[in-house]
Amino acid sequence: MAKAKAFFTVGYEYTTLPGLIAGLQEAGVKRVIDTRDVANSRRAGFSKKLLSASLDAEGIGYIHLRLLGTPKAGREANRAGRMDEFRRIYEASFMRPEAQLALLEAEELIRDQPTALLCFCGDVHKCHRDRIAQALEDKGLKRKEIVFR
């Protein structure tokens, strides 16, 4: 029986850009899929252009799959601790045909080379990455977490 292809999930909430890059390199990640709806950040180095350039300088590819991100109403519910509402909003967004096409793209990228799903949340279980990861596991892929504390 063939070994399941692995992918990683990672949140940058508890690390710096150099820390993130070191964690990705240690795990052998060759590509990052940014799963944020809006790839901007108040955290230094984590906005799309600088993050992409920094990863590229270290030999790690970057792609932004915005359609896998959480809509604004879901982000607001999450920040307010309304997790049931957050999950309902995200699930509705995630099940849209265009989001499912983005999921298929993510699956193809993961099967091509070691890849990490990226978002802000340090705890994957409070993040939409968990739902994406569950869907990928349903496709026979194996999840691994890169955790910073």
N, C-alpha and C. Protein backbone atom coordinates (compact mmCIF):
# COMPACT_ATOMS: atom_id res chain seq x y z
N MET A 1 0.84 -1.19 0.00
CA MET A 1 0.00 0.00 0.00
C MET A 1 0.89 1.25 0.00
N ALA A 2 0.58 2.20 -0.84
CA ALA A 2 1.37 3.43 -0.96
C ALA A 2 1.17 4.32 0.27
N LYS A 3 2.24 4.96 0.66
CA LYS A 3 2.18 5.89 1.78
C LYS A 3 1.41 7.15 1.36
N ALA A 4 0.55 7.64 2.25
CA ALA A 4 -0.24 8.84 1.95
C ALA A 4 0.68 10.05 1.81
N LYS A 5 0.42 10.87 0.82
CA LYS A 5 1.17 12.12 0.61
C LYS A 5 0.82 13.07 1.75
N ALA A 6 1.81 13.68 2.34
CA ALA A 6 1.60 14.58 3.48
C ALA A 6 1.57 16.04 3.04
N PHE A 7 0.84 16.83 3.80
CA PHE A 7 0.85 18.28 3.66
C PHE A 7 0.92 18.85 5.07
N PHE A 8 1.23 20.12 5.16
CA PHE A 8 1.39 20.78 6.44
C PHE A 8 0.37 21.90 6.58
N THR A 9 0.03 22.24 7.81
CA THR A 9 -0.69 23.48 8.07
C THR A 9 0.16 24.29 9.03
N VAL A 10 0.11 25.61 8.88
CA VAL A 10 0.92 26.48 9.72
C VAL A 10 0.22 27.82 9.90
N GLY A 11 0.28 28.32 11.13
CA GLY A 11 -0.20 29.66 11.43
C GLY A 11 0.96 30.49 11.95
N TYR A 12 0.98 31.76 11.60
CA TYR A 12 2.12 32.61 11.98
C TYR A 12 1.85 33.47 13.20
N GLU A 13 0.75 33.24 13.89
CA GLU A 13 0.36 34.07 15.04
C GLU A 13 1.45 34.16 16.10
N TYR A 14 2.15 33.08 16.36
CA TYR A 14 3.12 33.04 17.46
C TYR A 14 4.57 33.01 16.98
N THR A 15 4.83 33.51 15.78
CA THR A 15 6.20 33.49 15.29
C THR A 15 6.50 34.75 14.47
N THR A 16 7.73 34.87 14.08
CA THR A 16 8.19 35.96 13.22
C THR A 16 8.36 35.40 11.81
N LEU A 17 8.63 36.26 10.85
CA LEU A 17 8.89 35.78 9.49
C LEU A 17 10.11 34.86 9.46
N PRO A 18 11.25 35.24 10.09
CA PRO A 18 12.38 34.31 10.09
C PRO A 18 12.04 32.99 10.78
N GLY A 19 11.24 33.05 11.85
CA GLY A 19 10.83 31.82 12.53
C GLY A 19 9.97 30.94 11.65
N LEU A 20 9.04 31.57 10.92
CA LEU A 20 8.19 30.82 10.00
C LEU A 20 9.04 30.13 8.94
N ILE A 21 9.94 30.88 8.34
CA ILE A 21 10.79 30.31 7.28
C ILE A 21 11.62 29.15 7.82
N ALA A 22 12.18 29.31 9.00
CA ALA A 22 12.96 28.22 9.61
C ALA A 22 12.10 26.99 9.84
N GLY A 23 10.88 27.19 10.33
CA GLY A 23 9.97 26.06 10.56
C GLY A 23 9.59 25.35 9.27
N LEU A 24 9.35 26.13 8.22
CA LEU A 24 9.02 25.55 6.92
C LEU A 24 10.21 24.75 6.38
N GLN A 25 11.40 25.32 6.48
CA GLN A 25 12.60 24.64 5.99
C GLN A 25 12.84 23.35 6.77
N GLU A 26 12.69 23.41 8.09
CA GLU A 26 12.89 22.23 8.93
C GLU A 26 11.93 21.10 8.53
N ALA A 27 10.71 21.47 8.16
CA ALA A 27 9.71 20.48 7.76
C ALA A 27 9.89 20.00 6.32
N GLY A 28 10.75 20.68 5.55
CA GLY A 28 10.98 20.30 4.17
C GLY A 28 9.95 20.86 3.20
N VAL A 29 9.25 21.92 3.61
CA VAL A 29 8.22 22.53 2.77
C VAL A 29 8.87 23.24 1.58
N LYS A 30 8.31 23.02 0.40
CA LYS A 30 8.81 23.65 -0.83
C LYS A 30 7.84 24.69 -1.40
N ARG A 31 6.59 24.70 -0.88
CA ARG A 31 5.60 25.65 -1.36
C ARG A 31 4.64 25.98 -0.22
N VAL A 32 4.21 27.25 -0.19
CA VAL A 32 3.19 27.70 0.76
C VAL A 32 1.95 28.09 -0.03
N ILE A 33 0.81 27.60 0.43
CA ILE A 33 -0.47 28.06 -0.09
C ILE A 33 -1.07 28.98 0.96
N ASP A 34 -1.16 30.24 0.63
CA ASP A 34 -1.75 31.24 1.52
C ASP A 34 -3.26 31.11 1.41
N THR A 35 -3.91 30.73 2.52
CA THR A 35 -5.35 30.49 2.52
C THR A 35 -6.14 31.66 3.08
N ARG A 36 -5.50 32.82 3.22
CA ARG A 36 -6.22 33.99 3.72
C ARG A 36 -7.06 34.60 2.60
N ASP A 37 -8.25 35.07 2.95
CA ASP A 37 -9.09 35.78 1.99
C ASP A 37 -8.38 37.05 1.54
N VAL A 38 -7.85 37.78 2.50
CA VAL A 38 -7.11 39.02 2.24
C VAL A 38 -5.68 38.79 2.72
N ALA A 39 -4.74 38.78 1.81
CA ALA A 39 -3.35 38.45 2.15
C ALA A 39 -2.58 39.68 2.61
N ASN A 40 -3.17 40.41 3.53
CA ASN A 40 -2.52 41.55 4.18
C ASN A 40 -2.37 41.22 5.65
N SER A 41 -1.43 41.85 6.30
CA SER A 41 -1.23 41.61 7.72
C SER A 41 -0.62 42.84 8.37
N ARG A 42 -1.00 43.06 9.61
CA ARG A 42 -0.36 44.12 10.40
C ARG A 42 0.97 43.64 10.95
N ARG A 43 1.22 42.35 10.85
CA ARG A 43 2.48 41.76 11.32
C ARG A 43 3.55 41.95 10.25
N ALA A 44 4.69 42.44 10.66
CA ALA A 44 5.78 42.71 9.72
C ALA A 44 6.16 41.47 8.93
N GLY A 45 6.17 41.62 7.61
CA GLY A 45 6.64 40.57 6.72
C GLY A 45 5.59 39.60 6.23
N PHE A 46 4.36 39.71 6.72
CA PHE A 46 3.36 38.71 6.38
C PHE A 46 2.33 39.17 5.35
N SER A 47 2.49 40.35 4.79
CA SER A 47 1.63 40.76 3.68
C SER A 47 2.13 40.07 2.41
N LYS A 48 1.24 39.89 1.47
CA LYS A 48 1.46 39.04 0.31
C LYS A 48 2.79 39.28 -0.42
N LYS A 49 3.06 40.51 -0.82
CA LYS A 49 4.26 40.76 -1.64
C LYS A 49 5.55 40.46 -0.88
N LEU A 50 5.65 40.95 0.35
CA LEU A 50 6.88 40.71 1.11
C LEU A 50 7.01 39.24 1.51
N LEU A 51 5.90 38.62 1.90
CA LEU A 51 5.93 37.21 2.26
C LEU A 51 6.37 36.37 1.06
N SER A 52 5.77 36.62 -0.09
CA SER A 52 6.11 35.88 -1.30
C SER A 52 7.59 36.05 -1.65
N ALA A 53 8.08 37.29 -1.60
CA ALA A 53 9.49 37.56 -1.93
C ALA A 53 10.43 36.91 -0.92
N SER A 54 10.08 36.96 0.35
CA SER A 54 10.92 36.36 1.39
C SER A 54 10.99 34.85 1.25
N LEU A 55 9.85 34.23 0.97
CA LEU A 55 9.83 32.78 0.77
C LEU A 55 10.63 32.41 -0.48
N ASP A 56 10.43 33.16 -1.55
CA ASP A 56 11.13 32.90 -2.81
C ASP A 56 12.65 32.98 -2.62
N ALA A 57 13.09 33.94 -1.83
CA ALA A 57 14.53 34.09 -1.57
C ALA A 57 15.11 32.87 -0.87
N GLU A 58 14.25 32.11 -0.20
CA GLU A 58 14.69 30.90 0.51
C GLU A 58 14.35 29.62 -0.25
N GLY A 59 13.90 29.78 -1.50
CA GLY A 59 13.60 28.61 -2.32
C GLY A 59 12.26 27.96 -2.04
N ILE A 60 11.35 28.72 -1.43
CA ILE A 60 10.01 28.21 -1.12
C ILE A 60 9.01 28.98 -1.99
N GLY A 61 8.22 28.24 -2.74
CA GLY A 61 7.22 28.86 -3.60
C GLY A 61 6.05 29.40 -2.80
N TYR A 62 5.28 30.29 -3.43
CA TYR A 62 4.13 30.92 -2.78
C TYR A 62 2.99 31.03 -3.77
N ILE A 63 1.80 30.66 -3.32
CA ILE A 63 0.60 30.88 -4.11
C ILE A 63 -0.52 31.29 -3.16
N HIS A 64 -1.31 32.25 -3.59
CA HIS A 64 -2.44 32.74 -2.79
C HIS A 64 -3.72 32.17 -3.38
N LEU A 65 -4.39 31.29 -2.63
CA LEU A 65 -5.69 30.75 -3.05
C LEU A 65 -6.77 31.43 -2.22
N ARG A 66 -7.08 32.63 -2.60
CA ARG A 66 -8.03 33.49 -1.90
C ARG A 66 -9.39 32.83 -1.70
N LEU A 67 -9.81 32.02 -2.65
CA LEU A 67 -11.13 31.39 -2.58
C LEU A 67 -11.25 30.39 -1.43
N LEU A 68 -10.12 30.00 -0.83
CA LEU A 68 -10.16 29.13 0.34
C LEU A 68 -10.24 29.93 1.64
N GLY A 69 -10.20 31.25 1.54
CA GLY A 69 -10.18 32.12 2.71
C GLY A 69 -11.54 32.28 3.38
N THR A 70 -11.50 32.86 4.56
CA THR A 70 -12.72 33.12 5.34
C THR A 70 -13.28 34.49 4.97
N PRO A 71 -14.58 34.57 4.63
CA PRO A 71 -15.18 35.87 4.35
C PRO A 71 -15.14 36.78 5.58
N LYS A 72 -15.26 38.07 5.34
CA LYS A 72 -15.16 39.06 6.42
C LYS A 72 -16.08 38.74 7.59
N ALA A 73 -17.33 38.38 7.34
CA ALA A 73 -18.27 38.08 8.43
C ALA A 73 -17.77 36.91 9.27
N GLY A 74 -17.15 35.94 8.64
CA GLY A 74 -16.59 34.80 9.37
C GLY A 74 -15.39 35.20 10.21
N ARG A 75 -14.55 36.07 9.68
CA ARG A 75 -13.39 36.55 10.46
C ARG A 75 -13.86 37.32 11.68
N GLU A 76 -14.90 38.14 11.49
CA GLU A 76 -15.44 38.92 12.61
C GLU A 76 -16.03 37.99 13.68
N ALA A 77 -16.76 36.97 13.27
CA ALA A 77 -17.33 36.01 14.23
C ALA A 77 -16.21 35.28 14.98
N ASN A 78 -15.15 34.90 14.28
CA ASN A 78 -14.03 34.21 14.91
C ASN A 78 -13.37 35.11 15.94
N ARG A 79 -13.08 36.36 15.57
CA ARG A 79 -12.43 37.30 16.50
C ARG A 79 -13.28 37.52 17.76
N ALA A 80 -14.61 37.48 17.59
CA ALA A 80 -15.53 37.69 18.72
C ALA A 80 -15.77 36.40 19.51
N GLY A 81 -15.16 35.30 19.08
CA GLY A 81 -15.31 34.04 19.79
C GLY A 81 -16.61 33.30 19.49
N ARG A 82 -17.31 33.71 18.45
CA ARG A 82 -18.56 33.05 18.06
C ARG A 82 -18.22 31.93 17.06
N MET A 83 -17.67 30.84 17.61
CA MET A 83 -17.10 29.80 16.77
C MET A 83 -18.14 29.04 15.95
N ASP A 84 -19.32 28.80 16.51
CA ASP A 84 -20.36 28.12 15.73
C ASP A 84 -20.75 28.95 14.51
N GLU A 85 -20.91 30.26 14.73
CA GLU A 85 -21.24 31.16 13.63
C GLU A 85 -20.11 31.20 12.60
N PHE A 86 -18.88 31.29 13.08
CA PHE A 86 -17.71 31.27 12.21
C PHE A 86 -17.72 30.02 11.32
N ARG A 87 -17.93 28.86 11.94
CA ARG A 87 -17.91 27.61 11.18
C ARG A 87 -19.04 27.54 10.16
N ARG A 88 -20.22 28.03 10.52
CA ARG A 88 -21.35 28.05 9.57
C ARG A 88 -21.03 28.94 8.37
N ILE A 89 -20.50 30.11 8.65
CA ILE A 89 -20.16 31.05 7.57
C ILE A 89 -19.08 30.46 6.68
N TYR A 90 -18.05 29.89 7.30
CA TYR A 90 -16.97 29.34 6.49
C TYR A 90 -17.45 28.15 5.67
N GLU A 91 -18.24 27.29 6.27
CA GLU A 91 -18.71 26.10 5.55
C GLU A 91 -19.50 26.51 4.30
N ALA A 92 -20.37 27.50 4.44
CA ALA A 92 -21.14 27.98 3.28
C ALA A 92 -20.21 28.51 2.19
N SER A 93 -19.19 29.24 2.58
CA SER A 93 -18.22 29.77 1.62
C SER A 93 -17.41 28.64 0.98
N PHE A 94 -16.96 27.71 1.81
CA PHE A 94 -16.10 26.61 1.37
C PHE A 94 -16.82 25.68 0.39
N MET A 95 -18.12 25.54 0.51
CA MET A 95 -18.86 24.62 -0.34
C MET A 95 -19.24 25.22 -1.70
N ARG A 96 -18.95 26.51 -1.90
CA ARG A 96 -19.22 27.12 -3.21
C ARG A 96 -18.38 26.42 -4.28
N PRO A 97 -18.92 26.29 -5.49
CA PRO A 97 -18.17 25.60 -6.55
C PRO A 97 -16.77 26.19 -6.78
N GLU A 98 -16.65 27.50 -6.74
CA GLU A 98 -15.33 28.11 -6.99
C GLU A 98 -14.34 27.78 -5.87
N ALA A 99 -14.82 27.66 -4.64
CA ALA A 99 -13.93 27.26 -3.54
C ALA A 99 -13.53 25.80 -3.69
N GLN A 100 -14.44 24.97 -4.14
CA GLN A 100 -14.11 23.56 -4.36
C GLN A 100 -13.09 23.40 -5.49
N LEU A 101 -13.16 24.26 -6.49
CA LEU A 101 -12.12 24.24 -7.54
C LEU A 101 -10.77 24.65 -6.97
N ALA A 102 -10.76 25.63 -6.07
CA ALA A 102 -9.51 26.03 -5.40
C ALA A 102 -8.98 24.89 -4.55
N LEU A 103 -9.87 24.13 -3.90
CA LEU A 103 -9.45 22.97 -3.12
C LEU A 103 -8.79 21.93 -4.03
N LEU A 104 -9.36 21.70 -5.20
CA LEU A 104 -8.74 20.77 -6.16
C LEU A 104 -7.36 21.26 -6.59
N GLU A 105 -7.23 22.56 -6.79
CA GLU A 105 -5.92 23.13 -7.13
C GLU A 105 -4.93 22.89 -5.99
N ALA A 106 -5.38 23.11 -4.76
CA ALA A 106 -4.51 22.87 -3.60
C ALA A 106 -4.08 21.41 -3.55
N GLU A 107 -5.02 20.50 -3.79
CA GLU A 107 -4.69 19.07 -3.78
C GLU A 107 -3.62 18.75 -4.82
N GLU A 108 -3.77 19.28 -6.03
CA GLU A 108 -2.78 19.04 -7.08
C GLU A 108 -1.41 19.58 -6.69
N LEU A 109 -1.39 20.77 -6.10
CA LEU A 109 -0.12 21.37 -5.67
C LEU A 109 0.54 20.54 -4.58
N ILE A 110 -0.26 20.05 -3.64
CA ILE A 110 0.25 19.22 -2.55
C ILE A 110 0.82 17.91 -3.09
N ARG A 111 0.13 17.32 -4.03
CA ARG A 111 0.61 16.05 -4.60
C ARG A 111 1.89 16.25 -5.41
N ASP A 112 2.15 17.48 -5.85
CA ASP A 112 3.33 17.80 -6.65
C ASP A 112 4.59 17.97 -5.80
N GLN A 113 4.48 18.64 -4.66
CA GLN A 113 5.66 18.85 -3.81
C GLN A 113 5.22 19.21 -2.39
N PRO A 114 6.13 19.07 -1.40
CA PRO A 114 5.77 19.35 -0.01
C PRO A 114 5.24 20.78 0.15
N THR A 115 4.02 20.87 0.67
CA THR A 115 3.28 22.13 0.70
C THR A 115 2.68 22.37 2.07
N ALA A 116 2.63 23.64 2.47
CA ALA A 116 1.99 24.03 3.73
C ALA A 116 0.84 25.00 3.44
N LEU A 117 -0.28 24.79 4.13
CA LEU A 117 -1.40 25.72 4.11
C LEU A 117 -1.14 26.77 5.18
N LEU A 118 -1.15 28.03 4.83
CA LEU A 118 -0.81 29.12 5.74
C LEU A 118 -2.00 30.02 6.04
N CYS A 119 -2.09 30.42 7.29
CA CYS A 119 -3.01 31.46 7.74
C CYS A 119 -2.41 32.08 9.00
N PHE A 120 -3.11 33.05 9.57
CA PHE A 120 -2.63 33.72 10.78
C PHE A 120 -2.76 32.84 12.02
N CYS A 121 -3.89 32.20 12.21
CA CYS A 121 -4.25 31.51 13.46
C CYS A 121 -3.20 30.51 13.91
N GLY A 122 -2.75 30.67 15.14
CA GLY A 122 -1.78 29.75 15.71
C GLY A 122 -2.39 28.40 16.05
N ASP A 123 -3.68 28.37 16.36
CA ASP A 123 -4.38 27.14 16.72
C ASP A 123 -5.23 26.71 15.54
N VAL A 124 -4.81 25.66 14.86
CA VAL A 124 -5.51 25.21 13.65
C VAL A 124 -6.97 24.88 13.93
N HIS A 125 -7.29 24.48 15.15
CA HIS A 125 -8.66 24.08 15.46
C HIS A 125 -9.60 25.27 15.63
N LYS A 126 -9.05 26.47 15.64
CA LYS A 126 -9.86 27.69 15.67
C LYS A 126 -9.77 28.43 14.34
N CYS A 127 -9.34 27.72 13.32
CA CYS A 127 -9.04 28.34 12.03
C CYS A 127 -9.72 27.57 10.90
N HIS A 128 -9.98 28.27 9.81
CA HIS A 128 -10.55 27.62 8.63
C HIS A 128 -9.59 26.61 8.01
N ARG A 129 -8.30 26.70 8.31
CA ARG A 129 -7.34 25.70 7.79
C ARG A 129 -7.74 24.30 8.20
N ASP A 130 -8.37 24.18 9.38
CA ASP A 130 -8.79 22.87 9.87
C ASP A 130 -9.80 22.24 8.90
N ARG A 131 -10.74 23.04 8.42
CA ARG A 131 -11.76 22.52 7.49
C ARG A 131 -11.13 22.15 6.15
N ILE A 132 -10.21 22.98 5.68
CA ILE A 132 -9.51 22.66 4.43
C ILE A 132 -8.73 21.36 4.61
N ALA A 133 -8.02 21.24 5.73
CA ALA A 133 -7.22 20.05 6.00
C ALA A 133 -8.10 18.80 6.08
N GLN A 134 -9.27 18.92 6.71
CA GLN A 134 -10.19 17.77 6.78
C GLN A 134 -10.58 17.32 5.37
N ALA A 135 -10.90 18.27 4.51
CA ALA A 135 -11.29 17.93 3.13
C ALA A 135 -10.14 17.26 2.39
N LEU A 136 -8.93 17.71 2.61
CA LEU A 136 -7.77 17.10 1.96
C LEU A 136 -7.49 15.71 2.52
N GLU A 137 -7.71 15.53 3.83
CA GLU A 137 -7.57 14.20 4.42
C GLU A 137 -8.59 13.24 3.82
N ASP A 138 -9.79 13.74 3.55
CA ASP A 138 -10.83 12.91 2.91
C ASP A 138 -10.40 12.47 1.51
N LYS A 139 -9.44 13.16 0.92
CA LYS A 139 -8.92 12.81 -0.40
C LYS A 139 -7.68 11.91 -0.30
N GLY A 140 -7.39 11.43 0.91
CA GLY A 140 -6.29 10.49 1.10
C GLY A 140 -4.96 11.12 1.44
N LEU A 141 -4.94 12.42 1.70
CA LEU A 141 -3.70 13.09 2.09
C LEU A 141 -3.55 13.07 3.60
N LYS A 142 -2.32 13.18 4.07
CA LYS A 142 -2.04 13.12 5.51
C LYS A 142 -1.61 14.50 6.00
N ARG A 143 -2.26 14.95 7.07
CA ARG A 143 -1.99 16.27 7.65
C ARG A 143 -0.87 16.18 8.69
N LYS A 144 0.01 17.20 8.64
CA LYS A 144 1.02 17.41 9.68
C LYS A 144 0.94 18.88 10.07
N GLU A 145 1.14 19.16 11.34
CA GLU A 145 1.07 20.54 11.83
C GLU A 145 2.47 21.07 12.11
N ILE A 146 2.70 22.31 11.73
CA ILE A 146 3.89 23.05 12.14
C ILE A 146 3.39 24.03 13.19
N VAL A 147 3.86 23.87 14.42
CA VAL A 147 3.32 24.63 15.55
C VAL A 147 4.40 25.51 16.16
N PHE A 148 4.04 26.74 16.45
CA PHE A 148 4.91 27.70 17.14
C PHE A 148 4.21 28.09 18.44
N ARG A 149 4.93 28.16 19.53
CA ARG A 149 4.36 28.60 20.82
C ARG A 149 5.31 29.52 21.51
